[in-house]
Amino acid sequence: MDQGEGSLRSLRDSQPSGAALHGRRRETALKESAIELIADLLHWTSARGLDLDDVLDQAQMHYEAETEAAS
């Protein structure tokens, strides 16, 4: 399994089926899954020899540009 797939699966699996999580518990589970996904992406990036700070800066600029375009 490639780095990142575990967190993607974790994020997907955190979506409850049947007995749904509500409120704060659900938000906590989703936040933890997002953090794990980001950490896995950083591991994947580092394993390929890329500079983490550079990648994070580029991701933030991309996010901000999309946010600004959507407004």
PDB file of N, CA and C in Angstrom:
ATOM      1  N   MET A   1       0.841  -1.174   0.000  1.00  0.00           N
ATOM      2  CA  MET A   1       0.000   0.000   0.000  1.00  0.00           C
ATOM      3  C   MET A   1       0.884   1.233   0.000  1.00  0.00           C
ATOM      4  N   ASP A   2       0.578   2.213  -0.854  1.00  0.00           N
ATOM      5  CA  ASP A   2       1.331   3.453  -0.957  1.00  0.00           C
ATOM      6  C   ASP A   2       1.013   4.350   0.233  1.00  0.00           C
ATOM      7  N   GLN A   3       1.976   5.195   0.630  1.00  0.00           N
ATOM      8  CA  GLN A   3       1.721   6.167   1.699  1.00  0.00           C
ATOM      9  C   GLN A   3       0.531   7.020   1.279  1.00  0.00           C
ATOM     10  N   GLY A   4      -0.339   7.320   2.183  1.00  0.00           N
ATOM     11  CA  GLY A   4      -1.506   8.125   1.889  1.00  0.00           C
ATOM     12  C   GLY A   4      -2.754   7.300   1.729  1.00  0.00           C
ATOM     13  N   GLU A   5      -2.607   6.075   1.201  1.00  0.00           N
ATOM     14  CA  GLU A   5      -3.777   5.226   1.022  1.00  0.00           C
ATOM     15  C   GLU A   5      -4.396   4.847   2.353  1.00  0.00           C
ATOM     16  N   GLY A   6      -3.573   4.613   3.375  1.00  0.00           N
ATOM     17  CA  GLY A   6      -4.102   4.263   4.686  1.00  0.00           C
ATOM     18  C   GLY A   6      -4.973   5.364   5.261  1.00  0.00           C
ATOM     19  N   SER A   7      -4.524   6.606   5.133  1.00  0.00           N
ATOM     20  CA  SER A   7      -5.316   7.716   5.655  1.00  0.00           C
ATOM     21  C   SER A   7      -6.546   7.980   4.810  1.00  0.00           C
ATOM     22  N   LEU A   8      -6.416   7.791   3.492  1.00  0.00           N
ATOM     23  CA  LEU A   8      -7.601   7.940   2.650  1.00  0.00           C
ATOM     24  C   LEU A   8      -8.659   6.926   3.052  1.00  0.00           C
ATOM     25  N   ARG A   9      -8.210   5.705   3.292  1.00  0.00           N
ATOM     26  CA  ARG A   9      -9.140   4.662   3.726  1.00  0.00           C
ATOM     27  C   ARG A   9      -9.702   5.009   5.103  1.00  0.00           C
ATOM     28  N   SER A  10      -8.846   5.527   5.984  1.00  0.00           N
ATOM     29  CA  SER A  10      -9.285   5.914   7.322  1.00  0.00           C
ATOM     30  C   SER A  10     -10.330   7.021   7.251  1.00  0.00           C
ATOM     31  N   LEU A  11     -10.104   8.012   6.378  1.00  0.00           N
ATOM     32  CA  LEU A  11     -11.057   9.101   6.228  1.00  0.00           C
ATOM     33  C   LEU A  11     -12.383   8.566   5.694  1.00  0.00           C
ATOM     34  N   ARG A  12     -12.324   7.702   4.695  1.00  0.00           N
ATOM     35  CA  ARG A  12     -13.538   7.120   4.130  1.00  0.00           C
ATOM     36  C   ARG A  12     -14.246   6.250   5.155  1.00  0.00           C
ATOM     37  N   ASP A  13     -13.475   5.436   5.870  1.00  0.00           N
ATOM     38  CA  ASP A  13     -14.064   4.533   6.857  1.00  0.00           C
ATOM     39  C   ASP A  13     -14.605   5.275   8.070  1.00  0.00           C
ATOM     40  N   SER A  14     -14.139   6.509   8.279  1.00  0.00           N
ATOM     41  CA  SER A  14     -14.651   7.268   9.421  1.00  0.00           C
ATOM     42  C   SER A  14     -16.076   7.748   9.167  1.00  0.00           C
ATOM     43  N   GLN A  15     -16.513   7.661   7.916  1.00  0.00           N
ATOM     44  CA  GLN A  15     -17.892   8.004   7.613  1.00  0.00           C
ATOM     45  C   GLN A  15     -18.766   6.865   8.114  1.00  0.00           C
ATOM     46  N   PRO A  16     -19.546   7.129   9.140  1.00  0.00           N
ATOM     47  CA  PRO A  16     -20.287   6.054   9.777  1.00  0.00           C
ATOM     48  C   PRO A  16     -21.374   5.469   8.887  1.00  0.00           C
ATOM     49  N   SER A  17     -21.554   4.175   9.033  1.00  0.00           N
ATOM     50  CA  SER A  17     -22.665   3.508   8.369  1.00  0.00           C
ATOM     51  C   SER A  17     -23.491   2.878   9.472  1.00  0.00           C
ATOM     52  N   GLY A  18     -24.789   3.008   9.403  1.00  0.00           N
ATOM     53  CA  GLY A  18     -25.624   2.473  10.472  1.00  0.00           C
ATOM     54  C   GLY A  18     -25.678   3.433  11.635  1.00  0.00           C
ATOM     55  N   ALA A  19     -25.023   3.073  12.728  1.00  0.00           N
ATOM     56  CA  ALA A  19     -25.037   3.912  13.935  1.00  0.00           C
ATOM     57  C   ALA A  19     -24.101   5.092  13.704  1.00  0.00           C
ATOM     58  N   ALA A  20     -24.653   6.204  13.278  1.00  0.00           N
ATOM     59  CA  ALA A  20     -23.858   7.381  12.910  1.00  0.00           C
ATOM     60  C   ALA A  20     -23.303   8.084  14.133  1.00  0.00           C
ATOM     61  N   LEU A  21     -22.077   8.578  13.973  1.00  0.00           N
ATOM     62  CA  LEU A  21     -21.496   9.429  14.998  1.00  0.00           C
ATOM     63  C   LEU A  21     -22.128  10.802  14.865  1.00  0.00           C
ATOM     64  N   HIS A  22     -22.318  11.457  15.973  1.00  0.00           N
ATOM     65  CA  HIS A  22     -22.937  12.773  15.925  1.00  0.00           C
ATOM     66  C   HIS A  22     -22.069  13.813  16.607  1.00  0.00           C
ATOM     67  N   GLY A  23     -22.273  15.051  16.190  1.00  0.00           N
ATOM     68  CA  GLY A  23     -21.677  16.195  16.845  1.00  0.00           C
ATOM     69  C   GLY A  23     -20.185  16.149  17.008  1.00  0.00           C
ATOM     70  N   ARG A  24     -19.774  16.360  18.233  1.00  0.00           N
ATOM     71  CA  ARG A  24     -18.356  16.522  18.562  1.00  0.00           C
ATOM     72  C   ARG A  24     -17.536  15.270  18.249  1.00  0.00           C
ATOM     73  N   ARG A  25     -18.057  14.080  18.534  1.00  0.00           N
ATOM     74  CA  ARG A  25     -17.304  12.846  18.255  1.00  0.00           C
ATOM     75  C   ARG A  25     -17.009  12.712  16.770  1.00  0.00           C
ATOM     76  N   ARG A  26     -17.993  13.014  15.949  1.00  0.00           N
ATOM     77  CA  ARG A  26     -17.810  12.909  14.498  1.00  0.00           C
ATOM     78  C   ARG A  26     -16.773  13.926  14.024  1.00  0.00           C
ATOM     79  N   GLU A  27     -16.888  15.164  14.491  1.00  0.00           N
ATOM     80  CA  GLU A  27     -15.938  16.204  14.109  1.00  0.00           C
ATOM     81  C   GLU A  27     -14.525  15.853  14.548  1.00  0.00           C
ATOM     82  N   THR A  28     -14.384  15.283  15.746  1.00  0.00           N
ATOM     83  CA  THR A  28     -13.070  14.868  16.235  1.00  0.00           C
ATOM     84  C   THR A  28     -12.491  13.772  15.354  1.00  0.00           C
ATOM     85  N   ALA A  29     -13.312  12.787  14.990  1.00  0.00           N
ATOM     86  CA  ALA A  29     -12.851  11.686  14.133  1.00  0.00           C
ATOM     87  C   ALA A  29     -12.432  12.202  12.762  1.00  0.00           C
ATOM     88  N   LEU A  30     -13.200  13.122  12.188  1.00  0.00           N
ATOM     89  CA  LEU A  30     -12.856  13.681  10.887  1.00  0.00           C
ATOM     90  C   LEU A  30     -11.576  14.511  10.956  1.00  0.00           C
ATOM     91  N   LYS A  31     -11.413  15.284  12.023  1.00  0.00           N
ATOM     92  CA  LYS A  31     -10.201  16.085  12.190  1.00  0.00           C
ATOM     93  C   LYS A  31      -8.977  15.184  12.305  1.00  0.00           C
ATOM     94  N   GLU A  32      -9.074  14.128  13.114  1.00  0.00           N
ATOM     95  CA  GLU A  32      -7.957  13.192  13.269  1.00  0.00           C
ATOM     96  C   GLU A  32      -7.623  12.514  11.948  1.00  0.00           C
ATOM     97  N   SER A  33      -8.624  12.155  11.173  1.00  0.00           N
ATOM     98  CA  SER A  33      -8.384  11.534   9.870  1.00  0.00           C
ATOM     99  C   SER A  33      -7.692  12.501   8.916  1.00  0.00           C
ATOM    100  N   ALA A  34      -8.102  13.767   8.936  1.00  0.00           N
ATOM    101  CA  ALA A  34      -7.472  14.766   8.084  1.00  0.00           C
ATOM    102  C   ALA A  34      -6.006  14.954   8.464  1.00  0.00           C
ATOM    103  N   ILE A  35      -5.722  14.990   9.760  1.00  0.00           N
ATOM    104  CA  ILE A  35      -4.342  15.135  10.233  1.00  0.00           C
ATOM    105  C   ILE A  35      -3.497  13.942   9.788  1.00  0.00           C
ATOM    106  N   GLU A  36      -4.038  12.730   9.905  1.00  0.00           N
ATOM    107  CA  GLU A  36      -3.319  11.534   9.462  1.00  0.00           C
ATOM    108  C   GLU A  36      -3.064  11.576   7.962  1.00  0.00           C
ATOM    109  N   LEU A  37      -4.036  12.040   7.195  1.00  0.00           N
ATOM    110  CA  LEU A  37      -3.874  12.145   5.744  1.00  0.00           C
ATOM    111  C   LEU A  37      -2.757  13.115   5.397  1.00  0.00           C
ATOM    112  N   ILE A  38      -2.750  14.279   6.036  1.00  0.00           N
ATOM    113  CA  ILE A  38      -1.708  15.273   5.776  1.00  0.00           C
ATOM    114  C   ILE A  38      -0.339  14.715   6.162  1.00  0.00           C
ATOM    115  N   ALA A  39      -0.248  14.043   7.303  1.00  0.00           N
ATOM    116  CA  ALA A  39       1.029  13.444   7.732  1.00  0.00           C
ATOM    117  C   ALA A  39       1.502  12.402   6.726  1.00  0.00           C
ATOM    118  N   ASP A  40       0.586  11.571   6.226  1.00  0.00           N
ATOM    119  CA  ASP A  40       0.955  10.571   5.224  1.00  0.00           C
ATOM    120  C   ASP A  40       1.452  11.229   3.944  1.00  0.00           C
ATOM    121  N   LEU A  41       0.812  12.318   3.530  1.00  0.00           N
ATOM    122  CA  LEU A  41       1.266  13.033   2.339  1.00  0.00           C
ATOM    123  C   LEU A  41       2.647  13.644   2.559  1.00  0.00           C
ATOM    124  N   LEU A  42       2.911  14.119   3.761  1.00  0.00           N
ATOM    125  CA  LEU A  42       4.243  14.659   4.065  1.00  0.00           C
ATOM    126  C   LEU A  42       5.299  13.549   4.030  1.00  0.00           C
ATOM    127  N   HIS A  43       4.968  12.369   4.559  1.00  0.00           N
ATOM    128  CA  HIS A  43       5.894  11.226   4.474  1.00  0.00           C
ATOM    129  C   HIS A  43       6.156  10.866   3.020  1.00  0.00           C
ATOM    130  N   TRP A  44       5.112  10.818   2.216  1.00  0.00           N
ATOM    131  CA  TRP A  44       5.220  10.471   0.800  1.00  0.00           C
ATOM    132  C   TRP A  44       6.111  11.488   0.089  1.00  0.00           C
ATOM    133  N   THR A  45       5.890  12.772   0.387  1.00  0.00           N
ATOM    134  CA  THR A  45       6.666  13.849  -0.214  1.00  0.00           C
ATOM    135  C   THR A  45       8.138  13.748   0.178  1.00  0.00           C
ATOM    136  N   SER A  46       8.382  13.541   1.463  1.00  0.00           N
ATOM    137  CA  SER A  46       9.753  13.431   1.968  1.00  0.00           C
ATOM    138  C   SER A  46      10.477  12.231   1.370  1.00  0.00           C
ATOM    139  N   ALA A  47       9.775  11.119   1.229  1.00  0.00           N
ATOM    140  CA  ALA A  47      10.386   9.904   0.676  1.00  0.00           C
ATOM    141  C   ALA A  47      10.834  10.111  -0.767  1.00  0.00           C
ATOM    142  N   ARG A  48      10.270  11.085  -1.441  1.00  0.00           N
ATOM    143  CA  ARG A  48      10.647  11.379  -2.818  1.00  0.00           C
ATOM    144  C   ARG A  48      11.676  12.503  -2.905  1.00  0.00           C
ATOM    145  N   GLY A  49      12.188  12.916  -1.744  1.00  0.00           N
ATOM    146  CA  GLY A  49      13.268  13.896  -1.705  1.00  0.00           C
ATOM    147  C   GLY A  49      12.828  15.333  -1.907  1.00  0.00           C
ATOM    148  N   LEU A  50      11.543  15.591  -1.787  1.00  0.00           N
ATOM    149  CA  LEU A  50      11.061  16.955  -1.968  1.00  0.00           C
ATOM    150  C   LEU A  50      11.159  17.718  -0.653  1.00  0.00           C
ATOM    151  N   ASP A  51      11.303  19.029  -0.754  1.00  0.00           N
ATOM    152  CA  ASP A  51      11.393  19.882   0.427  1.00  0.00           C
ATOM    153  C   ASP A  51       9.989  20.100   0.990  1.00  0.00           C
ATOM    154  N   LEU A  52       9.779  19.677   2.248  1.00  0.00           N
ATOM    155  CA  LEU A  52       8.449  19.761   2.857  1.00  0.00           C
ATOM    156  C   LEU A  52       7.947  21.196   2.967  1.00  0.00           C
ATOM    157  N   ASP A  53       8.816  22.118   3.372  1.00  0.00           N
ATOM    158  CA  ASP A  53       8.386  23.513   3.507  1.00  0.00           C
ATOM    159  C   ASP A  53       7.955  24.084   2.159  1.00  0.00           C
ATOM    160  N   ASP A  54       8.688  23.740   1.107  1.00  0.00           N
ATOM    161  CA  ASP A  54       8.345  24.210  -0.228  1.00  0.00           C
ATOM    162  C   ASP A  54       6.987  23.653  -0.668  1.00  0.00           C
ATOM    163  N   VAL A  55       6.772  22.375  -0.432  1.00  0.00           N
ATOM    164  CA  VAL A  55       5.508  21.746  -0.808  1.00  0.00           C
ATOM    165  C   VAL A  55       4.353  22.357  -0.020  1.00  0.00           C
ATOM    166  N   LEU A  56       4.543  22.562   1.285  1.00  0.00           N
ATOM    167  CA  LEU A  56       3.489  23.170   2.100  1.00  0.00           C
ATOM    168  C   LEU A  56       3.189  24.598   1.652  1.00  0.00           C
ATOM    169  N   ASP A  57       4.233  25.361   1.327  1.00  0.00           N
ATOM    170  CA  ASP A  57       4.026  26.726   0.839  1.00  0.00           C
ATOM    171  C   ASP A  57       3.236  26.725  -0.466  1.00  0.00           C
ATOM    172  N   GLN A  58       3.603  25.832  -1.384  1.00  0.00           N
ATOM    173  CA  GLN A  58       2.897  25.746  -2.653  1.00  0.00           C
ATOM    174  C   GLN A  58       1.442  25.319  -2.457  1.00  0.00           C
ATOM    175  N   ALA A  59       1.216  24.378  -1.555  1.00  0.00           N
ATOM    176  CA  ALA A  59      -0.151  23.930  -1.278  1.00  0.00           C
ATOM    177  C   ALA A  59      -0.977  25.071  -0.699  1.00  0.00           C
ATOM    178  N   GLN A  60      -0.389  25.845   0.197  1.00  0.00           N
ATOM    179  CA  GLN A  60      -1.127  26.962   0.789  1.00  0.00           C
ATOM    180  C   GLN A  60      -1.443  28.018  -0.263  1.00  0.00           C
ATOM    181  N   MET A  61      -0.483  28.322  -1.130  1.00  0.00           N
ATOM    182  CA  MET A  61      -0.733  29.298  -2.187  1.00  0.00           C
ATOM    183  C   MET A  61      -1.844  28.804  -3.120  1.00  0.00           C
ATOM    184  N   HIS A  62      -1.819  27.530  -3.441  1.00  0.00           N
ATOM    185  CA  HIS A  62      -2.852  26.931  -4.296  1.00  0.00           C
ATOM    186  C   HIS A  62      -4.221  27.037  -3.623  1.00  0.00           C
ATOM    187  N   TYR A  63      -4.277  26.694  -2.342  1.00  0.00           N
ATOM    188  CA  TYR A  63      -5.521  26.785  -1.579  1.00  0.00           C
ATOM    189  C   TYR A  63      -6.048  28.216  -1.562  1.00  0.00           C
ATOM    190  N   GLU A  64      -5.163  29.180  -1.272  1.00  0.00           N
ATOM    191  CA  GLU A  64      -5.576  30.570  -1.196  1.00  0.00           C
ATOM    192  C   GLU A  64      -6.054  31.086  -2.542  1.00  0.00           C
ATOM    193  N   ALA A  65      -5.400  30.681  -3.629  1.00  0.00           N
ATOM    194  CA  ALA A  65      -5.817  31.106  -4.957  1.00  0.00           C
ATOM    195  C   ALA A  65      -7.207  30.547  -5.291  1.00  0.00           C
ATOM    196  N   GLU A  66      -7.448  29.284  -4.934  1.00  0.00           N
ATOM    197  CA  GLU A  66      -8.768  28.686  -5.174  1.00  0.00           C
ATOM    198  C   GLU A  66      -9.834  29.370  -4.334  1.00  0.00           C
ATOM    199  N   THR A  67      -9.501  29.683  -3.095  1.00  0.00           N
ATOM    200  CA  THR A  67     -10.454  30.352  -2.198  1.00  0.00           C
ATOM    201  C   THR A  67     -10.795  31.738  -2.722  1.00  0.00           C
ATOM    202  N   GLU A  68      -9.765  32.464  -3.179  1.00  0.00           N
ATOM    203  CA  GLU A  68      -9.994  33.791  -3.716  1.00  0.00           C
ATOM    204  C   GLU A  68     -10.818  33.743  -5.002  1.00  0.00           C
ATOM    205  N   ALA A  69     -10.553  32.767  -5.847  1.00  0.00           N
ATOM    206  CA  ALA A  69     -11.304  32.630  -7.106  1.00  0.00           C
ATOM    207  C   ALA A  69     -12.765  32.281  -6.849  1.00  0.00           C
ATOM    208  N   ALA A  70     -13.026  31.568  -5.757  1.00  0.00           N
ATOM    209  CA  ALA A  70     -14.390  31.156  -5.441  1.00  0.00           C
ATOM    210  C   ALA A  70     -15.213  32.293  -4.849  1.00  0.00           C
ATOM    211  N   SER A  71     -14.536  33.361  -4.381  1.00  0.00           N
ATOM    212  CA  SER A  71     -15.294  34.456  -3.752  1.00  0.00           C
ATOM    213  C   SER A  71     -15.798  35.455  -4.762  1.00  0.00           C
TER     214      SER A  71
END
